[in-house]
Amino acid sequence: MGFNDTIKSCQIIPLHTGSFMIKLYEKEDFRGQMADFTEDNPHIYKDFKYNEINSCNVIEGHWIFYEEPNYRGRQYYLSPGEYRKFSEWGASNARVGSIKRVQDFY
């Protein structure tokens, strides 16, 4: 897959000043193994032991999912809410390699 300098979408993300929390689930509909995260994680597999996240619940803050470890690959923006299956956050598969909080860096 090649890369180019084209922006395909752009969205304003509301400023979040509180804490962050996301719950990741091994299976759809919030089933299977679950793990809570409150910080960025460059390699989900090391802490959760799963490369595929099939559902999640964004409790606080806004998050970015990356398909690959170390914040590489396709990115998916998740706002607070429930995502019962990976297609609800716009992904074509359940692969999540890393996650990052959306923060204000002024």
PDB file of N, CA and C in Angstrom:
ATOM      1  N   MET A   1       0.849  -1.168   0.000  1.00  0.00           N
ATOM      2  CA  MET A   1       0.000   0.000   0.000  1.00  0.00           C
ATOM      3  C   MET A   1       0.896   1.232   0.000  1.00  0.00           C
ATOM      4  N   GLY A   2       0.630   2.145  -0.891  1.00  0.00           N
ATOM      5  CA  GLY A   2       1.396   3.380  -0.977  1.00  0.00           C
ATOM      6  C   GLY A   2       0.792   4.484  -0.136  1.00  0.00           C
ATOM      7  N   PHE A   3       1.517   5.545  -0.004  1.00  0.00           N
ATOM      8  CA  PHE A   3       1.047   6.704   0.744  1.00  0.00           C
ATOM      9  C   PHE A   3       1.031   7.913  -0.183  1.00  0.00           C
ATOM     10  N   ASN A   4       0.177   8.868   0.111  1.00  0.00           N
ATOM     11  CA  ASN A   4       0.146  10.099  -0.666  1.00  0.00           C
ATOM     12  C   ASN A   4      -0.068  11.274   0.275  1.00  0.00           C
ATOM     13  N   ASP A   5      -0.141  12.464  -0.281  1.00  0.00           N
ATOM     14  CA  ASP A   5      -0.278  13.662   0.544  1.00  0.00           C
ATOM     15  C   ASP A   5      -1.695  14.219   0.526  1.00  0.00           C
ATOM     16  N   THR A   6      -2.664  13.360   0.316  1.00  0.00           N
ATOM     17  CA  THR A   6      -4.060  13.769   0.241  1.00  0.00           C
ATOM     18  C   THR A   6      -4.749  13.593   1.592  1.00  0.00           C
ATOM     19  N   ILE A   7      -5.489  14.600   2.018  1.00  0.00           N
ATOM     20  CA  ILE A   7      -6.327  14.486   3.214  1.00  0.00           C
ATOM     21  C   ILE A   7      -7.705  14.043   2.744  1.00  0.00           C
ATOM     22  N   LYS A   8      -8.180  12.908   3.270  1.00  0.00           N
ATOM     23  CA  LYS A   8      -9.462  12.372   2.821  1.00  0.00           C
ATOM     24  C   LYS A   8     -10.623  12.788   3.703  1.00  0.00           C
ATOM     25  N   SER A   9     -10.338  13.185   4.929  1.00  0.00           N
ATOM     26  CA  SER A   9     -11.406  13.681   5.798  1.00  0.00           C
ATOM     27  C   SER A   9     -10.794  14.557   6.890  1.00  0.00           C
ATOM     28  N   CYS A  10     -11.630  15.404   7.447  1.00  0.00           N
ATOM     29  CA  CYS A  10     -11.184  16.316   8.491  1.00  0.00           C
ATOM     30  C   CYS A  10     -12.363  16.546   9.434  1.00  0.00           C
ATOM     31  N   GLN A  11     -12.098  16.547  10.727  1.00  0.00           N
ATOM     32  CA  GLN A  11     -13.167  16.694  11.700  1.00  0.00           C
ATOM     33  C   GLN A  11     -12.658  17.502  12.886  1.00  0.00           C
ATOM     34  N   ILE A  12     -13.472  18.407  13.387  1.00  0.00           N
ATOM     35  CA  ILE A  12     -13.137  19.144  14.604  1.00  0.00           C
ATOM     36  C   ILE A  12     -13.477  18.253  15.791  1.00  0.00           C
ATOM     37  N   ILE A  13     -12.508  18.083  16.683  1.00  0.00           N
ATOM     38  CA  ILE A  13     -12.701  17.240  17.860  1.00  0.00           C
ATOM     39  C   ILE A  13     -12.845  18.154  19.068  1.00  0.00           C
ATOM     40  N   PRO A  14     -13.919  17.992  19.847  1.00  0.00           N
ATOM     41  CA  PRO A  14     -14.121  18.852  21.017  1.00  0.00           C
ATOM     42  C   PRO A  14     -12.987  18.693  22.029  1.00  0.00           C
ATOM     43  N   LEU A  15     -12.625  19.783  22.684  1.00  0.00           N
ATOM     44  CA  LEU A  15     -11.593  19.759  23.714  1.00  0.00           C
ATOM     45  C   LEU A  15     -12.099  18.974  24.918  1.00  0.00           C
ATOM     46  N   HIS A  16     -11.279  18.057  25.400  1.00  0.00           N
ATOM     47  CA  HIS A  16     -11.610  17.276  26.591  1.00  0.00           C
ATOM     48  C   HIS A  16     -10.574  17.606  27.658  1.00  0.00           C
ATOM     49  N   THR A  17     -11.022  18.069  28.821  1.00  0.00           N
ATOM     50  CA  THR A  17     -10.093  18.481  29.872  1.00  0.00           C
ATOM     51  C   THR A  17     -10.075  17.548  31.076  1.00  0.00           C
ATOM     52  N   GLY A  18     -10.883  16.517  31.069  1.00  0.00           N
ATOM     53  CA  GLY A  18     -10.945  15.606  32.204  1.00  0.00           C
ATOM     54  C   GLY A  18     -10.035  14.407  32.045  1.00  0.00           C
ATOM     55  N   SER A  19     -10.387  13.343  32.734  1.00  0.00           N
ATOM     56  CA  SER A  19      -9.612  12.109  32.664  1.00  0.00           C
ATOM     57  C   SER A  19     -10.022  11.302  31.431  1.00  0.00           C
ATOM     58  N   PHE A  20      -9.304  10.226  31.198  1.00  0.00           N
ATOM     59  CA  PHE A  20      -9.551   9.367  30.044  1.00  0.00           C
ATOM     60  C   PHE A  20      -9.781   7.940  30.515  1.00  0.00           C
ATOM     61  N   MET A  21     -10.733   7.250  29.874  1.00  0.00           N
ATOM     62  CA  MET A  21     -10.926   5.829  30.147  1.00  0.00           C
ATOM     63  C   MET A  21     -11.608   5.173  28.959  1.00  0.00           C
ATOM     64  N   ILE A  22     -11.083   4.010  28.596  1.00  0.00           N
ATOM     65  CA  ILE A  22     -11.679   3.206  27.539  1.00  0.00           C
ATOM     66  C   ILE A  22     -11.627   1.747  27.974  1.00  0.00           C
ATOM     67  N   LYS A  23     -12.675   1.002  27.676  1.00  0.00           N
ATOM     68  CA  LYS A  23     -12.733  -0.432  27.960  1.00  0.00           C
ATOM     69  C   LYS A  23     -12.704  -1.163  26.625  1.00  0.00           C
ATOM     70  N   LEU A  24     -11.750  -2.077  26.476  1.00  0.00           N
ATOM     71  CA  LEU A  24     -11.609  -2.863  25.256  1.00  0.00           C
ATOM     72  C   LEU A  24     -12.069  -4.290  25.513  1.00  0.00           C
ATOM     73  N   TYR A  25     -12.772  -4.858  24.535  1.00  0.00           N
ATOM     74  CA  TYR A  25     -13.309  -6.206  24.676  1.00  0.00           C
ATOM     75  C   TYR A  25     -12.824  -7.098  23.542  1.00  0.00           C
ATOM     76  N   GLU A  26     -12.556  -8.329  23.898  1.00  0.00           N
ATOM     77  CA  GLU A  26     -12.101  -9.334  22.946  1.00  0.00           C
ATOM     78  C   GLU A  26     -13.166  -9.651  21.895  1.00  0.00           C
ATOM     79  N   LYS A  27     -14.435  -9.683  22.287  1.00  0.00           N
ATOM     80  CA  LYS A  27     -15.517 -10.103  21.392  1.00  0.00           C
ATOM     81  C   LYS A  27     -16.554  -9.001  21.204  1.00  0.00           C
ATOM     82  N   GLU A  28     -17.404  -9.186  20.207  1.00  0.00           N
ATOM     83  CA  GLU A  28     -18.494  -8.236  19.952  1.00  0.00           C
ATOM     84  C   GLU A  28     -19.445  -8.166  21.142  1.00  0.00           C
ATOM     85  N   ASP A  29     -20.205  -7.076  21.200  1.00  0.00           N
ATOM     86  CA  ASP A  29     -21.232  -6.871  22.228  1.00  0.00           C
ATOM     87  C   ASP A  29     -20.684  -6.929  23.651  1.00  0.00           C
ATOM     88  N   PHE A  30     -19.457  -6.444  23.834  1.00  0.00           N
ATOM     89  CA  PHE A  30     -18.844  -6.309  25.161  1.00  0.00           C
ATOM     90  C   PHE A  30     -18.696  -7.653  25.871  1.00  0.00           C
ATOM     91  N   ARG A  31     -18.340  -8.673  25.103  1.00  0.00           N
ATOM     92  CA  ARG A  31     -18.150 -10.020  25.669  1.00  0.00           C
ATOM     93  C   ARG A  31     -16.672 -10.402  25.634  1.00  0.00           C
ATOM     94  N   GLY A  32     -16.357 -11.461  26.334  1.00  0.00           N
ATOM     95  CA  GLY A  32     -14.988 -11.970  26.375  1.00  0.00           C
ATOM     96  C   GLY A  32     -14.120 -11.183  27.344  1.00  0.00           C
ATOM     97  N   GLN A  33     -12.820 -11.329  27.175  1.00  0.00           N
ATOM     98  CA  GLN A  33     -11.871 -10.634  28.044  1.00  0.00           C
ATOM     99  C   GLN A  33     -12.004  -9.123  27.878  1.00  0.00           C
ATOM    100  N   MET A  34     -11.796  -8.391  28.975  1.00  0.00           N
ATOM    101  CA  MET A  34     -11.929  -6.938  28.956  1.00  0.00           C
ATOM    102  C   MET A  34     -10.706  -6.328  29.641  1.00  0.00           C
ATOM    103  N   ALA A  35     -10.291  -5.165  29.142  1.00  0.00           N
ATOM    104  CA  ALA A  35      -9.197  -4.416  29.771  1.00  0.00           C
ATOM    105  C   ALA A  35      -9.532  -2.935  29.753  1.00  0.00           C
ATOM    106  N   ASP A  36      -9.206  -2.245  30.854  1.00  0.00           N
ATOM    107  CA  ASP A  36      -9.381  -0.789  30.962  1.00  0.00           C
ATOM    108  C   ASP A  36      -8.056  -0.106  30.639  1.00  0.00           C
ATOM    109  N   PHE A  37      -8.138   1.022  29.940  1.00  0.00           N
ATOM    110  CA  PHE A  37      -6.955   1.831  29.671  1.00  0.00           C
ATOM    111  C   PHE A  37      -7.270   3.284  29.991  1.00  0.00           C
ATOM    112  N   THR A  38      -6.313   3.960  30.610  1.00  0.00           N
ATOM    113  CA  THR A  38      -6.453   5.386  30.919  1.00  0.00           C
ATOM    114  C   THR A  38      -5.300   6.196  30.320  1.00  0.00           C
ATOM    115  N   GLU A  39      -4.360   5.526  29.692  1.00  0.00           N
ATOM    116  CA  GLU A  39      -3.178   6.160  29.100  1.00  0.00           C
ATOM    117  C   GLU A  39      -2.978   5.640  27.678  1.00  0.00           C
ATOM    118  N   ASP A  40      -2.136   6.333  26.914  1.00  0.00           N
ATOM    119  CA  ASP A  40      -1.752   5.849  25.592  1.00  0.00           C
ATOM    120  C   ASP A  40      -1.107   4.477  25.747  1.00  0.00           C
ATOM    121  N   ASN A  41      -1.227   3.651  24.710  1.00  0.00           N
ATOM    122  CA  ASN A  41      -0.596   2.338  24.747  1.00  0.00           C
ATOM    123  C   ASN A  41      -0.043   2.017  23.363  1.00  0.00           C
ATOM    124  N   PRO A  42       1.286   1.958  23.218  1.00  0.00           N
ATOM    125  CA  PRO A  42       1.881   1.739  21.905  1.00  0.00           C
ATOM    126  C   PRO A  42       1.811   0.295  21.413  1.00  0.00           C
ATOM    127  N   HIS A  43       1.471  -0.641  22.293  1.00  0.00           N
ATOM    128  CA  HIS A  43       1.441  -2.049  21.894  1.00  0.00           C
ATOM    129  C   HIS A  43       0.386  -2.792  22.717  1.00  0.00           C
ATOM    130  N   ILE A  44      -0.847  -2.762  22.235  1.00  0.00           N
ATOM    131  CA  ILE A  44      -1.982  -3.350  22.962  1.00  0.00           C
ATOM    132  C   ILE A  44      -1.736  -4.807  23.337  1.00  0.00           C
ATOM    133  N   TYR A  45      -1.128  -5.581  22.442  1.00  0.00           N
ATOM    134  CA  TYR A  45      -0.950  -7.015  22.694  1.00  0.00           C
ATOM    135  C   TYR A  45      -0.154  -7.279  23.975  1.00  0.00           C
ATOM    136  N   LYS A  46       0.810  -6.446  24.289  1.00  0.00           N
ATOM    137  CA  LYS A  46       1.636  -6.661  25.484  1.00  0.00           C
ATOM    138  C   LYS A  46       0.816  -6.598  26.768  1.00  0.00           C
ATOM    139  N   ASP A  47      -0.213  -5.760  26.794  1.00  0.00           N
ATOM    140  CA  ASP A  47      -1.023  -5.609  28.005  1.00  0.00           C
ATOM    141  C   ASP A  47      -2.341  -6.370  27.964  1.00  0.00           C
ATOM    142  N   PHE A  48      -2.872  -6.595  26.764  1.00  0.00           N
ATOM    143  CA  PHE A  48      -4.203  -7.198  26.646  1.00  0.00           C
ATOM    144  C   PHE A  48      -4.154  -8.613  26.078  1.00  0.00           C
ATOM    145  N   LYS A  49      -3.082  -8.989  25.410  1.00  0.00           N
ATOM    146  CA  LYS A  49      -2.871 -10.319  24.827  1.00  0.00           C
ATOM    147  C   LYS A  49      -3.773 -10.621  23.640  1.00  0.00           C
ATOM    148  N   TYR A  50      -4.392  -9.587  23.083  1.00  0.00           N
ATOM    149  CA  TYR A  50      -5.229  -9.762  21.890  1.00  0.00           C
ATOM    150  C   TYR A  50      -4.863  -8.691  20.873  1.00  0.00           C
ATOM    151  N   ASN A  51      -4.742  -9.094  19.607  1.00  0.00           N
ATOM    152  CA  ASN A  51      -4.504  -8.129  18.527  1.00  0.00           C
ATOM    153  C   ASN A  51      -5.811  -7.622  17.948  1.00  0.00           C
ATOM    154  N   GLU A  52      -6.890  -8.321  18.238  1.00  0.00           N
ATOM    155  CA  GLU A  52      -8.188  -7.916  17.710  1.00  0.00           C
ATOM    156  C   GLU A  52      -9.083  -7.434  18.841  1.00  0.00           C
ATOM    157  N   ILE A  53      -9.649  -6.254  18.643  1.00  0.00           N
ATOM    158  CA  ILE A  53     -10.600  -5.663  19.581  1.00  0.00           C
ATOM    159  C   ILE A  53     -11.926  -5.612  18.836  1.00  0.00           C
ATOM    160  N   ASN A  54     -12.901  -6.360  19.297  1.00  0.00           N
ATOM    161  CA  ASN A  54     -14.173  -6.449  18.572  1.00  0.00           C
ATOM    162  C   ASN A  54     -15.250  -5.518  19.090  1.00  0.00           C
ATOM    163  N   SER A  55     -15.073  -4.960  20.290  1.00  0.00           N
ATOM    164  CA  SER A  55     -16.010  -3.955  20.801  1.00  0.00           C
ATOM    165  C   SER A  55     -15.285  -3.131  21.863  1.00  0.00           C
ATOM    166  N   CYS A  56     -15.827  -1.957  22.138  1.00  0.00           N
ATOM    167  CA  CYS A  56     -15.223  -1.109  23.165  1.00  0.00           C
ATOM    168  C   CYS A  56     -16.250  -0.115  23.679  1.00  0.00           C
ATOM    169  N   ASN A  57     -15.943   0.435  24.839  1.00  0.00           N
ATOM    170  CA  ASN A  57     -16.777   1.457  25.449  1.00  0.00           C
ATOM    171  C   ASN A  57     -15.861   2.618  25.834  1.00  0.00           C
ATOM    172  N   VAL A  58     -16.029   3.745  25.151  1.00  0.00           N
ATOM    173  CA  VAL A  58     -15.246   4.939  25.472  1.00  0.00           C
ATOM    174  C   VAL A  58     -15.992   5.659  26.593  1.00  0.00           C
ATOM    175  N   ILE A  59     -15.472   5.555  27.796  1.00  0.00           N
ATOM    176  CA  ILE A  59     -16.112   6.129  28.978  1.00  0.00           C
ATOM    177  C   ILE A  59     -15.828   7.625  29.069  1.00  0.00           C
ATOM    178  N   GLU A  60     -14.542   7.991  28.931  1.00  0.00           N
ATOM    179  CA  GLU A  60     -14.147   9.402  29.040  1.00  0.00           C
ATOM    180  C   GLU A  60     -13.075   9.728  28.018  1.00  0.00           C
ATOM    181  N   GLY A  61     -13.197  10.893  27.428  1.00  0.00           N
ATOM    182  CA  GLY A  61     -12.196  11.369  26.488  1.00  0.00           C
ATOM    183  C   GLY A  61     -12.442  10.896  25.066  1.00  0.00           C
ATOM    184  N   HIS A  62     -11.542  11.296  24.193  1.00  0.00           N
ATOM    185  CA  HIS A  62     -11.578  10.923  22.785  1.00  0.00           C
ATOM    186  C   HIS A  62     -10.297  10.146  22.507  1.00  0.00           C
ATOM    187  N   TRP A  63     -10.395   9.108  21.685  1.00  0.00           N
ATOM    188  CA  TRP A  63      -9.276   8.204  21.451  1.00  0.00           C
ATOM    189  C   TRP A  63      -9.060   7.984  19.962  1.00  0.00           C
ATOM    190  N   ILE A  64      -7.829   7.596  19.608  1.00  0.00           N
ATOM    191  CA  ILE A  64      -7.493   7.172  18.257  1.00  0.00           C
ATOM    192  C   ILE A  64      -7.009   5.728  18.337  1.00  0.00           C
ATOM    193  N   PHE A  65      -7.618   4.855  17.523  1.00  0.00           N
ATOM    194  CA  PHE A  65      -7.139   3.486  17.359  1.00  0.00           C
ATOM    195  C   PHE A  65      -6.217   3.459  16.146  1.00  0.00           C
ATOM    196  N   TYR A  66      -5.131   2.727  16.253  1.00  0.00           N
ATOM    197  CA  TYR A  66      -4.210   2.502  15.140  1.00  0.00           C
ATOM    198  C   TYR A  66      -4.191   1.006  14.848  1.00  0.00           C
ATOM    199  N   GLU A  67      -4.185   0.636  13.577  1.00  0.00           N
ATOM    200  CA  GLU A  67      -4.174  -0.784  13.224  1.00  0.00           C
ATOM    201  C   GLU A  67      -2.890  -1.488  13.643  1.00  0.00           C
ATOM    202  N   GLU A  68      -1.789  -0.769  13.685  1.00  0.00           N
ATOM    203  CA  GLU A  68      -0.490  -1.374  13.970  1.00  0.00           C
ATOM    204  C   GLU A  68       0.075  -0.850  15.294  1.00  0.00           C
ATOM    205  N   PRO A  69       1.002  -1.604  15.898  1.00  0.00           N
ATOM    206  CA  PRO A  69       1.692  -1.107  17.091  1.00  0.00           C
ATOM    207  C   PRO A  69       2.479   0.169  16.781  1.00  0.00           C
ATOM    208  N   ASN A  70       2.824   0.885  17.834  1.00  0.00           N
ATOM    209  CA  ASN A  70       3.631   2.111  17.743  1.00  0.00           C
ATOM    210  C   ASN A  70       2.971   3.198  16.903  1.00  0.00           C
ATOM    211  N   TYR A  71       1.654   3.259  16.976  1.00  0.00           N
ATOM    212  CA  TYR A  71       0.864   4.338  16.356  1.00  0.00           C
ATOM    213  C   TYR A  71       1.084   4.417  14.844  1.00  0.00           C
ATOM    214  N   ARG A  72       0.999   3.267  14.196  1.00  0.00           N
ATOM    215  CA  ARG A  72       1.173   3.201  12.743  1.00  0.00           C
ATOM    216  C   ARG A  72      -0.055   2.571  12.108  1.00  0.00           C
ATOM    217  N   GLY A  73      -0.191   2.791  10.824  1.00  0.00           N
ATOM    218  CA  GLY A  73      -1.291   2.193  10.071  1.00  0.00           C
ATOM    219  C   GLY A  73      -2.539   3.055  10.084  1.00  0.00           C
ATOM    220  N   ARG A  74      -3.632   2.467   9.644  1.00  0.00           N
ATOM    221  CA  ARG A  74      -4.904   3.194   9.593  1.00  0.00           C
ATOM    222  C   ARG A  74      -5.293   3.671  10.983  1.00  0.00           C
ATOM    223  N   GLN A  75      -5.941   4.837  11.007  1.00  0.00           N
ATOM    224  CA  GLN A  75      -6.356   5.452  12.266  1.00  0.00           C
ATOM    225  C   GLN A  75      -7.874   5.562  12.301  1.00  0.00           C
ATOM    226  N   TYR A  76      -8.432   5.392  13.500  1.00  0.00           N
ATOM    227  CA  TYR A  76      -9.877   5.514  13.696  1.00  0.00           C
ATOM    228  C   TYR A  76     -10.130   6.373  14.930  1.00  0.00           C
ATOM    229  N   TYR A  77     -10.934   7.397  14.759  1.00  0.00           N
ATOM    230  CA  TYR A  77     -11.284   8.308  15.851  1.00  0.00           C
ATOM    231  C   TYR A  77     -12.512   7.769  16.574  1.00  0.00           C
ATOM    232  N   LEU A  78     -12.444   7.708  17.911  1.00  0.00           N
ATOM    233  CA  LEU A  78     -13.570   7.258  18.720  1.00  0.00           C
ATOM    234  C   LEU A  78     -13.922   8.325  19.745  1.00  0.00           C
ATOM    235  N   SER A  79     -15.162   8.772  19.705  1.00  0.00           N
ATOM    236  CA  SER A  79     -15.680   9.718  20.691  1.00  0.00           C
ATOM    237  C   SER A  79     -16.363   8.913  21.794  1.00  0.00           C
ATOM    238  N   PRO A  80     -16.721   9.534  22.915  1.00  0.00           N
ATOM    239  CA  PRO A  80     -17.377   8.795  23.987  1.00  0.00           C
ATOM    240  C   PRO A  80     -18.639   8.081  23.497  1.00  0.00           C
ATOM    241  N   GLY A  81     -18.779   6.838  23.919  1.00  0.00           N
ATOM    242  CA  GLY A  81     -19.938   6.041  23.535  1.00  0.00           C
ATOM    243  C   GLY A  81     -19.600   4.564  23.453  1.00  0.00           C
ATOM    244  N   GLU A  82     -20.609   3.772  23.101  1.00  0.00           N
ATOM    245  CA  GLU A  82     -20.461   2.326  22.985  1.00  0.00           C
ATOM    246  C   GLU A  82     -20.308   1.927  21.525  1.00  0.00           C
ATOM    247  N   TYR A  83     -19.384   1.013  21.279  1.00  0.00           N
ATOM    248  CA  TYR A  83     -19.130   0.480  19.946  1.00  0.00           C
ATOM    249  C   TYR A  83     -19.240  -1.044  20.055  1.00  0.00           C
ATOM    250  N   ARG A  84     -20.362  -1.599  19.631  1.00  0.00           N
ATOM    251  CA  ARG A  84     -20.641  -3.024  19.807  1.00  0.00           C
ATOM    252  C   ARG A  84     -19.868  -3.933  18.862  1.00  0.00           C
ATOM    253  N   LYS A  85     -19.378  -3.374  17.752  1.00  0.00           N
ATOM    254  CA  LYS A  85     -18.549  -4.139  16.819  1.00  0.00           C
ATOM    255  C   LYS A  85     -17.629  -3.179  16.081  1.00  0.00           C
ATOM    256  N   PHE A  86     -16.532  -3.687  15.570  1.00  0.00           N
ATOM    257  CA  PHE A  86     -15.498  -2.826  14.973  1.00  0.00           C
ATOM    258  C   PHE A  86     -16.001  -1.985  13.820  1.00  0.00           C
ATOM    259  N   SER A  87     -16.999  -2.440  13.098  1.00  0.00           N
ATOM    260  CA  SER A  87     -17.514  -1.651  11.972  1.00  0.00           C
ATOM    261  C   SER A  87     -18.175  -0.355  12.449  1.00  0.00           C
ATOM    262  N   GLU A  88     -18.579  -0.284  13.711  1.00  0.00           N
ATOM    263  CA  GLU A  88     -19.209   0.928  14.240  1.00  0.00           C
ATOM    264  C   GLU A  88     -18.208   2.072  14.418  1.00  0.00           C
ATOM    265  N   TRP A  89     -16.914   1.789  14.481  1.00  0.00           N
ATOM    266  CA  TRP A  89     -15.924   2.874  14.492  1.00  0.00           C
ATOM    267  C   TRP A  89     -15.291   3.044  13.109  1.00  0.00           C
ATOM    268  N   GLY A  90     -15.859   2.360  12.105  1.00  0.00           N
ATOM    269  CA  GLY A  90     -15.451   2.573  10.717  1.00  0.00           C
ATOM    270  C   GLY A  90     -14.390   1.635  10.193  1.00  0.00           C
ATOM    271  N   ALA A  91     -14.003   0.653  10.983  1.00  0.00           N
ATOM    272  CA  ALA A  91     -12.959  -0.278  10.557  1.00  0.00           C
ATOM    273  C   ALA A  91     -13.535  -1.412   9.712  1.00  0.00           C
ATOM    274  N   SER A  92     -12.691  -1.988   8.864  1.00  0.00           N
ATOM    275  CA  SER A  92     -13.099  -3.142   8.061  1.00  0.00           C
ATOM    276  C   SER A  92     -12.635  -4.444   8.701  1.00  0.00           C
ATOM    277  N   ASN A  93     -11.849  -4.345   9.787  1.00  0.00           N
ATOM    278  CA  ASN A  93     -11.451  -5.524  10.556  1.00  0.00           C
ATOM    279  C   ASN A  93     -11.223  -5.096  12.001  1.00  0.00           C
ATOM    280  N   ALA A  94     -11.002  -6.064  12.877  1.00  0.00           N
ATOM    281  CA  ALA A  94     -10.911  -5.788  14.314  1.00  0.00           C
ATOM    282  C   ALA A  94      -9.486  -5.540  14.800  1.00  0.00           C
ATOM    283  N   ARG A  95      -8.549  -5.438  13.902  1.00  0.00           N
ATOM    284  CA  ARG A  95      -7.142  -5.273  14.296  1.00  0.00           C
ATOM    285  C   ARG A  95      -6.896  -3.897  14.930  1.00  0.00           C
ATOM    286  N   VAL A  96      -6.386  -3.910  16.154  1.00  0.00           N
ATOM    287  CA  VAL A  96      -5.990  -2.683  16.856  1.00  0.00           C
ATOM    288  C   VAL A  96      -4.619  -2.960  17.468  1.00  0.00           C
ATOM    289  N   GLY A  97      -3.615  -2.225  17.020  1.00  0.00           N
ATOM    290  CA  GLY A  97      -2.259  -2.441  17.508  1.00  0.00           C
ATOM    291  C   GLY A  97      -1.836  -1.471  18.592  1.00  0.00           C
ATOM    292  N   SER A  98      -2.438  -0.270  18.590  1.00  0.00           N
ATOM    293  CA  SER A  98      -2.092   0.747  19.586  1.00  0.00           C
ATOM    294  C   SER A  98      -3.238   1.740  19.718  1.00  0.00           C
ATOM    295  N   ILE A  99      -3.268   2.434  20.853  1.00  0.00           N
ATOM    296  CA  ILE A  99      -4.308   3.440  21.102  1.00  0.00           C
ATOM    297  C   ILE A  99      -3.660   4.691  21.684  1.00  0.00           C
ATOM    298  N   LYS A 100      -4.259   5.829  21.372  1.00  0.00           N
ATOM    299  CA  LYS A 100      -3.723   7.105  21.871  1.00  0.00           C
ATOM    300  C   LYS A 100      -4.876   8.028  22.248  1.00  0.00           C
ATOM    301  N   ARG A 101      -4.709   8.751  23.349  1.00  0.00           N
ATOM    302  CA  ARG A 101      -5.684   9.747  23.771  1.00  0.00           C
ATOM    303  C   ARG A 101      -5.551  10.984  22.887  1.00  0.00           C
ATOM    304  N   VAL A 102      -6.664  11.644  22.597  1.00  0.00           N
ATOM    305  CA  VAL A 102      -6.628  12.918  21.880  1.00  0.00           C
ATOM    306  C   VAL A 102      -6.523  13.996  22.947  1.00  0.00           C
ATOM    307  N   GLN A 103      -5.394  14.724  22.939  1.00  0.00           N
ATOM    308  CA  GLN A 103      -5.134  15.731  23.962  1.00  0.00           C
ATOM    309  C   GLN A 103      -4.780  17.068  23.333  1.00  0.00           C
ATOM    310  N   ASP A 104      -4.917  18.105  24.119  1.00  0.00           N
ATOM    311  CA  ASP A 104      -4.541  19.450  23.711  1.00  0.00           C
ATOM    312  C   ASP A 104      -3.073  19.650  24.081  1.00  0.00           C
ATOM    313  N   PHE A 105      -2.240  19.973  23.103  1.00  0.00           N
ATOM    314  CA  PHE A 105      -0.807  20.098  23.359  1.00  0.00           C
ATOM    315  C   PHE A 105      -0.297  21.531  23.299  1.00  0.00           C
ATOM    316  N   TYR A 106      -1.107  22.513  23.647  1.00  0.00           N
ATOM    317  CA  TYR A 106      -0.655  23.911  23.615  1.00  0.00           C
ATOM    318  C   TYR A 106       0.421  24.146  24.630  1.00  0.00           C
TER     319      TYR A 106
END
